[in-house]
Amino acid sequence: MLGLMAARQAGLDDPARLRRAERTRRVLSLELNKDRDVERIHGSGINTLDIEPVEGRYMLSGGSDGVIVLYDLENLSRKPSYTCKALFSVGRSHPDVHKFSVETVQWYPHDTGMFTSSSFDKTLKIWDTNTLQPADIFHFEGTVYSHHMSPVATKHCLIAVGTKSPKVQLCDLKSGSSSHILQGHRQEVLAVSWSPRHEYILATGSADGRVKLWDVRRASGCLSTLDQHNGEKSKASSEAANTAHNGRVNGLCYTNDGLHLLTIGTDDRMRLWNSSTGENTLVNYGKVCNESRKGLKFAISCGCNPEFAFVPYGSTVAVYTVFTGELITMLRGHYSTVNCCVFQPHFQELYSGSKDCNILAWIPAPREPVPDDISEKSLPQQHLNPAYEDAWSSSDDEG
């Protein structure tokens, strides 16, 4: 670290390198924090979490009982040990509470004045954060498994919705209508995700084992259907062709730069795809246990080298390197099945929600302080940049 700081100060290193190195160190040292707690409000399992991208301060959670809670993650007390307090909740007594399980919550990407929620009660609700009243409600014919708003869109206000119908619904916030439909899947759509790179590109995962990429401006069908065999088996069996997984696809997540897409299926496999070519990169993550019958919410880190995927794995959260497939660690602390996790990129923190009704905070372990009596010379030489090693001698030494 000292070497990186010295090299950055002298202009020998890319300034981003120190940031990446420290972020990576922090992710690799994630641990269940004894000094931070998240107030327990939910009386049933927690299905979904989302942290707003503007400040990274407020977190939403949605539960199996239809309850939605908003937490403030900031330590306002400034004490070493503190509890992240719930600012408010849409509880069972609220007139507009969801009747059944909340499957997805998401903040409006551009400010905290609005958030969205979707539920097994066949509705998608647009909430005004200040009044806690729905500004709009979209109704569907079947159960809603997932929805997503584009984090980068400037030219449209479309929310993609995956339901029990094989048709992907697009709801327009500006017009209040849900007339736009994408047809191509054969079974229910369990996961949807907009590209963080191109505002019109949408990925969808279905119980038919397929992952499709769409340009929502085109009416002629999907751009491509991802094929786990990269086209090699299509000649032998048309039925086996163009499936991303040999089971239900219930999780999708783009890398932060939008260049790759990570998918997870009930075949206990996770696959990484090149999002521009649609090619299976063939990264082997081993067996990724996935028994969820609905959507699985996992997360990918941001600004690290390498990047990491945080995947609910039974009662633990498995941490993988995205591009090599290595299992780094298993975060243990929950008493029951983990349903969702969300990454806070500003401070490299992770929050996970489980059937045990708890939200756990995984915080980077603090650095070990260097004692004052240890001088810089006694530090291991690999910490120092070679450019700063003493390569000259004085005339006194020579004499």
Protein backbone atom coordinates (compact mmCIF):
# COMPACT_ATOMS: atom_id res chain seq x y z
CA MET A 1 0.00 0.00 0.00
CA LEU A 2 2.83 2.43 0.85
CA GLY A 3 4.45 1.65 -2.48
CA LEU A 4 1.22 2.31 -4.34
CA MET A 5 0.73 5.62 -2.52
CA ALA A 6 4.29 6.73 -3.19
CA ALA A 7 4.08 5.81 -6.87
CA ARG A 8 0.78 7.63 -7.21
CA GLN A 9 2.20 10.73 -5.49
CA ALA A 10 5.15 10.80 -7.88
CA GLY A 11 2.95 10.32 -10.93
CA LEU A 12 4.48 6.95 -11.81
CA ASP A 13 1.23 5.03 -11.37
CA ASP A 14 -2.27 5.34 -12.73
CA PRO A 15 -4.32 7.04 -9.95
CA ALA A 16 -7.07 4.45 -10.39
CA ARG A 17 -4.70 1.61 -9.50
CA LEU A 18 -4.56 2.50 -5.81
CA ARG A 19 -8.37 2.78 -5.69
CA ARG A 20 -8.79 -0.62 -7.34
CA ALA A 21 -6.24 -2.25 -5.04
CA GLU A 22 -7.87 -0.89 -1.88
CA ARG A 23 -11.40 -1.78 -3.04
CA THR A 24 -10.25 -5.29 -3.85
CA ARG A 25 -8.56 -5.64 -0.45
CA ARG A 26 -11.75 -4.49 1.25
CA VAL A 27 -13.96 -6.97 -0.62
CA LEU A 28 -11.55 -9.82 0.16
CA SER A 29 -11.75 -8.94 3.88
CA LEU A 30 -15.57 -8.83 4.14
CA GLU A 31 -16.81 -10.20 7.45
CA LEU A 32 -19.98 -10.22 9.51
CA ASN A 33 -19.70 -7.00 11.45
CA LYS A 34 -20.28 -7.23 15.21
CA ASP A 35 -20.66 -3.47 15.57
CA ARG A 36 -23.31 -2.92 12.93
CA ASP A 37 -26.83 -4.25 13.03
CA VAL A 38 -29.85 -3.74 10.80
CA GLU A 39 -33.08 -3.16 12.70
CA ARG A 40 -35.30 -6.22 12.48
CA ILE A 41 -38.73 -5.19 11.17
CA HIS A 42 -39.78 -8.03 8.88
CA GLY A 43 -41.78 -10.84 10.42
CA SER A 44 -41.19 -13.16 7.47
CA GLY A 45 -38.50 -13.91 4.90
CA ILE A 46 -36.74 -11.09 3.02
CA ASN A 47 -36.82 -11.53 -0.76
CA THR A 48 -35.24 -8.39 -2.16
CA LEU A 49 -32.90 -5.51 -1.26
CA ASP A 50 -31.86 -2.36 -3.11
CA ILE A 51 -29.53 0.53 -2.20
CA GLU A 52 -30.14 3.85 -3.95
CA PRO A 53 -27.29 4.75 -6.34
CA VAL A 54 -27.26 8.50 -5.66
CA GLU A 55 -25.78 8.60 -2.13
CA GLY A 56 -25.59 4.90 -1.34
CA ARG A 57 -27.24 5.70 1.98
CA TYR A 58 -30.82 4.41 1.88
CA MET A 59 -31.78 0.76 1.48
CA LEU A 60 -35.14 -0.82 0.63
CA SER A 61 -36.22 -4.32 1.60
CA GLY A 62 -39.26 -6.36 0.55
CA GLY A 63 -40.63 -9.33 2.44
CA SER A 64 -42.74 -12.44 1.95
CA ASP A 65 -45.55 -10.81 3.97
CA GLY A 66 -45.84 -7.89 1.51
CA VAL A 67 -44.08 -5.43 3.84
CA ILE A 68 -41.57 -2.87 2.47
CA VAL A 69 -39.02 -1.20 4.78
CA LEU A 70 -36.67 1.74 4.17
CA TYR A 71 -33.43 1.87 6.18
CA ASP A 72 -30.85 4.60 6.74
CA LEU A 73 -27.41 2.96 6.56
CA GLU A 74 -25.49 6.00 7.81
CA ASN A 75 -24.07 6.04 11.33
CA LEU A 76 -25.69 9.22 12.63
CA SER A 77 -24.76 8.45 16.26
CA ARG A 78 -21.02 8.37 15.38
CA LYS A 79 -20.61 5.56 17.92
CA PRO A 80 -18.50 2.48 17.03
CA SER A 81 -21.51 0.17 17.52
CA TYR A 82 -24.80 1.19 15.95
CA THR A 83 -28.00 -0.09 14.39
CA CYS A 84 -29.16 0.93 10.91
CA LYS A 85 -32.61 2.28 11.75
CA ALA A 86 -35.77 1.80 9.74
CA LEU A 87 -37.05 5.24 8.70
CA PHE A 88 -40.47 3.92 7.74
CA SER A 89 -42.27 0.85 6.52
CA VAL A 90 -45.27 0.03 4.37
CA GLY A 91 -46.69 -2.40 6.93
CA ARG A 92 -49.70 -4.72 6.97
CA SER A 93 -51.91 -1.90 8.23
CA HIS A 94 -51.03 0.40 5.31
CA PRO A 95 -54.01 0.75 2.94
CA ASP A 96 -51.83 0.20 -0.16
CA VAL A 97 -49.62 -2.61 1.15
CA HIS A 98 -48.99 -5.51 -1.23
CA LYS A 99 -51.37 -8.39 -0.49
CA PHE A 100 -48.76 -11.10 -1.15
CA SER A 101 -45.00 -11.55 -1.24
CA VAL A 102 -42.89 -8.62 -2.53
CA GLU A 103 -40.41 -10.06 -5.04
CA THR A 104 -38.54 -6.95 -6.20
CA VAL A 105 -37.93 -3.44 -4.88
CA GLN A 106 -35.91 -0.86 -6.79
CA TRP A 107 -35.10 2.80 -6.31
CA TYR A 108 -35.72 5.22 -9.15
CA PRO A 109 -32.15 5.44 -10.55
CA HIS A 110 -31.86 9.23 -10.55
CA ASP A 111 -33.18 10.37 -7.17
CA THR A 112 -34.61 9.01 -3.93
CA GLY A 113 -38.04 10.63 -4.31
CA MET A 114 -39.49 7.52 -5.91
CA PHE A 115 -39.17 3.75 -5.68
CA THR A 116 -40.91 0.73 -7.22
CA SER A 117 -42.11 -2.63 -5.93
CA SER A 118 -43.66 -5.70 -7.53
CA SER A 119 -45.41 -8.63 -5.94
CA PHE A 120 -47.11 -11.99 -6.29
CA ASP A 121 -50.37 -10.00 -5.98
CA LYS A 122 -49.97 -9.28 -9.74
CA THR A 123 -49.14 -5.59 -9.31
CA LEU A 124 -46.23 -3.22 -9.89
CA LYS A 125 -46.45 -0.10 -7.71
CA ILE A 126 -44.68 3.23 -8.19
CA TRP A 127 -44.25 4.88 -4.77
CA ASP A 128 -43.73 8.50 -3.77
CA THR A 129 -41.07 8.23 -1.05
CA ASN A 130 -42.18 11.39 0.77
CA THR A 131 -45.89 10.58 1.08
CA LEU A 132 -45.60 6.77 1.04
CA GLN A 133 -48.50 6.67 -1.39
CA PRO A 134 -48.55 4.88 -4.75
CA ALA A 135 -48.24 7.38 -7.60
CA ASP A 136 -49.23 4.66 -10.08
CA ILE A 137 -50.19 0.98 -10.05
CA PHE A 138 -49.82 -1.45 -12.96
CA HIS A 139 -51.96 -4.61 -12.92
CA PHE A 140 -51.05 -7.88 -14.66
CA GLU A 141 -52.85 -11.13 -15.41
CA GLY A 142 -50.28 -13.31 -13.65
CA THR A 143 -47.83 -13.36 -10.75
CA VAL A 144 -45.00 -10.80 -11.04
CA TYR A 145 -41.57 -12.37 -10.51
CA SER A 146 -39.23 -9.51 -11.32
CA HIS A 147 -39.00 -5.96 -12.65
CA HIS A 148 -36.16 -3.58 -13.49
CA MET A 149 -35.64 0.06 -14.51
CA SER A 150 -32.64 1.01 -16.64
CA PRO A 151 -29.87 2.66 -14.59
CA VAL A 152 -28.68 4.70 -17.60
CA ALA A 153 -31.79 5.50 -19.67
CA THR A 154 -32.30 9.14 -20.62
CA LYS A 155 -34.63 8.73 -23.61
CA HIS A 156 -37.21 6.34 -22.11
CA CYS A 157 -38.91 5.55 -18.79
CA LEU A 158 -39.66 1.87 -19.38
CA ILE A 159 -39.88 -0.70 -16.60
CA ALA A 160 -39.36 -4.29 -17.76
CA VAL A 161 -41.59 -6.79 -15.95
CA GLY A 162 -41.30 -10.58 -15.84
CA THR A 163 -44.55 -12.39 -15.01
CA LYS A 164 -46.15 -15.83 -15.15
CA SER A 165 -46.88 -15.05 -18.80
CA PRO A 166 -44.10 -15.84 -21.31
CA LYS A 167 -44.53 -12.31 -22.66
CA VAL A 168 -42.19 -9.65 -21.26
CA GLN A 169 -44.19 -6.55 -20.31
CA LEU A 170 -42.81 -3.02 -20.70
CA CYS A 171 -44.50 -0.36 -18.56
CA ASP A 172 -44.04 3.28 -19.54
CA LEU A 173 -43.88 5.65 -16.57
CA LYS A 174 -44.59 8.65 -18.79
CA SER A 175 -47.84 7.36 -20.27
CA GLY A 176 -48.86 5.02 -17.46
CA SER A 177 -49.53 2.22 -19.95
CA SER A 178 -48.12 -1.30 -20.30
CA SER A 179 -48.96 -1.85 -23.95
CA HIS A 180 -45.45 -2.78 -25.13
CA ILE A 181 -44.88 -6.56 -25.12
CA LEU A 182 -41.84 -8.69 -26.08
CA GLN A 183 -42.77 -12.16 -27.33
CA GLY A 184 -40.41 -15.13 -27.65
CA HIS A 185 -40.19 -17.05 -24.38
CA ARG A 186 -42.25 -20.22 -23.90
CA GLN A 187 -42.68 -20.15 -20.12
CA GLU A 188 -42.81 -17.61 -17.29
CA VAL A 189 -40.14 -14.89 -17.15
CA LEU A 190 -38.28 -15.09 -13.83
CA ALA A 191 -35.59 -12.43 -14.26
CA VAL A 192 -35.13 -9.19 -16.23
CA SER A 193 -32.17 -6.80 -16.37
CA TRP A 194 -31.40 -3.71 -18.45
CA SER A 195 -27.87 -3.23 -19.76
CA PRO A 196 -25.88 -0.58 -17.84
CA ARG A 197 -24.14 0.23 -21.14
CA HIS A 198 -26.93 0.57 -23.73
CA GLU A 199 -30.24 2.01 -22.59
CA TYR A 200 -32.39 0.05 -25.09
CA ILE A 201 -30.84 -3.40 -24.47
CA LEU A 202 -32.70 -5.76 -22.14
CA ALA A 203 -31.83 -9.29 -20.94
CA THR A 204 -34.55 -11.71 -19.84
CA GLY A 205 -34.34 -15.18 -18.26
CA SER A 206 -37.17 -17.70 -18.30
CA ALA A 207 -38.29 -21.05 -16.91
CA ASP A 208 -37.85 -22.38 -20.48
CA GLY A 209 -34.06 -22.36 -19.88
CA ARG A 210 -33.51 -19.50 -22.30
CA VAL A 211 -31.87 -16.09 -21.92
CA LYS A 212 -32.82 -13.57 -24.58
CA LEU A 213 -31.33 -10.18 -25.41
CA TRP A 214 -33.69 -7.55 -26.81
CA ASP A 215 -33.42 -4.14 -28.41
CA VAL A 216 -36.76 -2.74 -27.27
CA ARG A 217 -36.90 -0.38 -30.28
CA ARG A 218 -37.27 -3.39 -32.59
CA ALA A 219 -40.65 -4.99 -33.07
CA SER A 220 -39.39 -8.03 -34.98
CA GLY A 221 -38.26 -10.14 -32.01
CA CYS A 222 -35.20 -10.59 -29.85
CA LEU A 223 -31.64 -9.73 -30.89
CA SER A 224 -30.29 -13.12 -29.83
CA THR A 225 -30.97 -16.19 -27.71
CA LEU A 226 -27.91 -17.23 -25.71
CA ASP A 227 -26.67 -20.77 -26.39
CA GLN A 228 -24.59 -22.59 -23.77
CA HIS A 229 -22.99 -24.72 -26.51
CA ASN A 230 -22.08 -21.70 -28.69
CA GLY A 231 -23.88 -23.27 -31.67
CA GLU A 232 -21.99 -26.57 -31.68
CA LYS A 233 -24.96 -28.81 -30.79
CA SER A 234 -27.61 -27.01 -32.78
CA LYS A 235 -27.18 -29.29 -35.80
CA ALA A 236 -27.83 -32.46 -33.79
CA SER A 237 -30.82 -31.31 -31.77
CA SER A 238 -32.86 -28.23 -32.45
CA GLU A 239 -34.63 -28.61 -29.08
CA ALA A 240 -31.36 -28.53 -27.12
CA ALA A 241 -30.12 -25.57 -29.12
CA ASN A 242 -30.19 -22.04 -27.79
CA THR A 243 -30.74 -22.86 -24.14
CA ALA A 244 -28.59 -20.98 -21.66
CA HIS A 245 -29.25 -23.50 -18.87
CA ASN A 246 -30.66 -27.01 -18.52
CA GLY A 247 -33.12 -25.71 -15.96
CA ARG A 248 -35.05 -22.59 -15.09
CA VAL A 249 -33.08 -19.34 -15.46
CA ASN A 250 -33.91 -17.37 -12.34
CA GLY A 251 -31.07 -14.86 -12.00
CA LEU A 252 -29.42 -12.26 -14.26
CA CYS A 253 -26.81 -9.63 -13.48
CA TYR A 254 -24.67 -7.47 -15.78
CA THR A 255 -21.12 -6.53 -14.88
CA ASN A 256 -20.80 -2.84 -14.07
CA ASP A 257 -19.39 -1.99 -17.52
CA GLY A 258 -22.17 -3.91 -19.29
CA LEU A 259 -19.70 -5.99 -21.31
CA HIS A 260 -20.64 -9.30 -19.67
CA LEU A 261 -23.80 -10.92 -18.35
CA LEU A 262 -23.86 -13.44 -15.50
CA THR A 263 -26.76 -15.91 -15.39
CA ILE A 264 -27.78 -18.56 -12.86
CA GLY A 265 -30.15 -21.51 -13.30
CA THR A 266 -31.72 -24.37 -11.40
CA ASP A 267 -29.29 -26.72 -13.14
CA ASP A 268 -26.88 -25.55 -10.38
CA ARG A 269 -24.78 -23.72 -12.93
CA MET A 270 -23.69 -20.11 -13.31
CA ARG A 271 -22.54 -18.87 -16.72
CA LEU A 272 -20.75 -15.75 -17.93
CA TRP A 273 -21.63 -14.39 -21.38
CA ASN A 274 -20.07 -11.81 -23.65
CA SER A 275 -23.02 -9.43 -23.93
CA SER A 276 -22.07 -8.07 -27.36
CA THR A 277 -21.41 -11.39 -29.14
CA GLY A 278 -23.69 -13.60 -27.00
CA GLU A 279 -20.85 -16.10 -26.59
CA ASN A 280 -20.59 -18.39 -23.57
CA THR A 281 -17.16 -17.59 -22.09
CA LEU A 282 -17.03 -21.11 -20.57
CA VAL A 283 -15.88 -19.89 -17.15
CA ASN A 284 -16.35 -22.82 -14.73
CA TYR A 285 -17.81 -21.84 -11.34
CA GLY A 286 -18.39 -25.44 -10.29
CA LYS A 287 -21.70 -26.45 -8.74
CA VAL A 288 -23.67 -23.39 -7.65
CA CYS A 289 -26.49 -24.76 -5.49
CA ASN A 290 -29.75 -23.09 -6.54
CA GLU A 291 -33.04 -24.55 -5.32
CA SER A 292 -35.07 -21.35 -5.61
CA ARG A 293 -38.41 -21.76 -7.36
CA LYS A 294 -38.56 -18.03 -8.13
CA GLY A 295 -36.12 -15.20 -8.84
CA LEU A 296 -32.68 -15.17 -7.16
CA LYS A 297 -31.13 -11.75 -6.49
CA PHE A 298 -27.32 -11.75 -6.62
CA ALA A 299 -24.79 -8.94 -7.02
CA ILE A 300 -21.48 -8.08 -8.71
CA SER A 301 -18.80 -5.79 -7.25
CA CYS A 302 -17.76 -2.51 -8.85
CA GLY A 303 -14.29 -1.03 -9.31
CA CYS A 304 -12.30 -4.06 -8.11
CA ASN A 305 -9.59 -6.05 -9.87
CA PRO A 306 -10.72 -8.79 -10.30
CA GLU A 307 -14.48 -8.28 -9.96
CA PHE A 308 -16.45 -10.51 -7.60
CA ALA A 309 -19.91 -12.09 -7.69
CA PHE A 310 -21.91 -12.48 -4.46
CA VAL A 311 -24.36 -15.36 -4.87
CA PRO A 312 -26.92 -16.71 -2.35
CA TYR A 313 -25.91 -20.34 -1.75
CA GLY A 314 -28.18 -22.10 0.73
CA SER A 315 -27.79 -20.31 4.07
CA THR A 316 -24.52 -18.69 2.96
CA VAL A 317 -23.32 -16.13 0.40
CA ALA A 318 -20.69 -17.52 -1.99
CA VAL A 319 -18.06 -15.08 -3.30
CA TYR A 320 -16.63 -15.92 -6.74
CA THR A 321 -14.18 -14.15 -9.01
CA VAL A 322 -16.27 -13.29 -12.07
CA PHE A 323 -13.75 -13.98 -14.83
CA THR A 324 -11.93 -17.05 -13.46
CA GLY A 325 -14.75 -18.76 -11.56
CA GLU A 326 -12.71 -19.25 -8.39
CA LEU A 327 -14.71 -19.65 -5.17
CA ILE A 328 -13.02 -17.17 -2.81
CA THR A 329 -15.03 -17.66 0.37
CA MET A 330 -18.44 -18.47 1.85
CA LEU A 331 -19.97 -15.81 4.10
CA ARG A 332 -21.72 -17.64 6.95
CA GLY A 333 -24.11 -16.04 9.42
CA HIS A 334 -27.69 -16.63 8.35
CA TYR A 335 -29.81 -19.37 9.92
CA SER A 336 -31.89 -20.10 6.82
CA THR A 337 -31.91 -19.76 3.03
CA VAL A 338 -30.45 -16.50 1.67
CA ASN A 339 -32.72 -14.99 -0.99
CA CYS A 340 -30.93 -11.80 -1.99
CA CYS A 341 -27.84 -9.67 -1.58
CA VAL A 342 -26.90 -6.14 -2.64
CA PHE A 343 -23.45 -4.51 -2.95
CA GLN A 344 -22.73 -0.98 -1.73
CA PRO A 345 -19.94 0.19 -4.08
CA HIS A 346 -18.97 3.40 -2.23
CA PHE A 347 -17.69 1.55 0.86
CA GLN A 348 -17.47 -2.02 -0.52
CA GLU A 349 -20.13 -3.33 1.86
CA LEU A 350 -22.54 -6.19 1.29
CA TYR A 351 -26.05 -6.68 2.69
CA SER A 352 -27.91 -9.99 2.52
CA GLY A 353 -31.54 -10.91 3.22
CA SER A 354 -32.79 -14.34 4.24
CA LYS A 355 -35.78 -16.48 5.12
CA ASP A 356 -34.66 -16.07 8.76
CA CYS A 357 -36.11 -12.49 8.63
CA ASN A 358 -32.66 -10.94 9.16
CA ILE A 359 -30.63 -8.52 7.07
CA LEU A 360 -26.92 -8.96 7.74
CA ALA A 361 -24.19 -6.37 7.09
CA TRP A 362 -20.86 -7.67 5.76
CA ILE A 363 -18.22 -4.99 6.29
CA PRO A 364 -14.51 -4.91 5.29
CA ALA A 365 -12.29 -5.81 8.24
CA PRO A 366 -10.29 -2.80 9.48
CA ARG A 367 -6.61 -2.63 8.62
CA GLU A 368 -4.17 -3.73 11.29
CA PRO A 369 -2.52 -0.53 12.59
CA VAL A 370 1.25 -0.25 12.06
CA PRO A 371 2.98 0.37 15.43
CA ASP A 372 4.68 3.78 15.72
CA ASP A 373 8.08 2.28 16.52
CA ILE A 374 8.22 0.47 13.15
CA SER A 375 9.94 2.70 10.64
CA GLU A 376 9.35 2.66 6.91
CA LYS A 377 12.74 0.97 6.40
CA SER A 378 11.67 -2.08 8.38
CA LEU A 379 8.59 -2.68 6.25
CA PRO A 380 8.81 -5.56 3.73
CA GLN A 381 10.54 -4.34 0.58
CA GLN A 382 7.79 -5.62 -1.74
CA HIS A 383 5.53 -2.86 -0.39
CA LEU A 384 7.89 -0.22 -1.80
CA ASN A 385 7.90 0.72 -5.45
CA PRO A 386 11.30 -0.12 -7.05
CA ALA A 387 11.48 3.48 -8.27
CA TYR A 388 11.95 4.60 -4.68
CA GLU A 389 14.72 2.24 -3.65
CA ASP A 390 17.89 4.07 -2.67
CA ALA A 391 20.22 3.62 -5.66
CA TRP A 392 22.84 6.29 -4.86
CA SER A 393 25.59 6.55 -2.26
CA SER A 394 27.29 9.52 -0.66
CA SER A 395 31.01 10.22 -0.84
CA ASP A 396 31.26 9.54 2.92
CA ASP A 397 30.13 5.94 2.34
CA GLU A 398 32.65 5.49 -0.40
CA GLY A 399 35.50 6.66 1.80
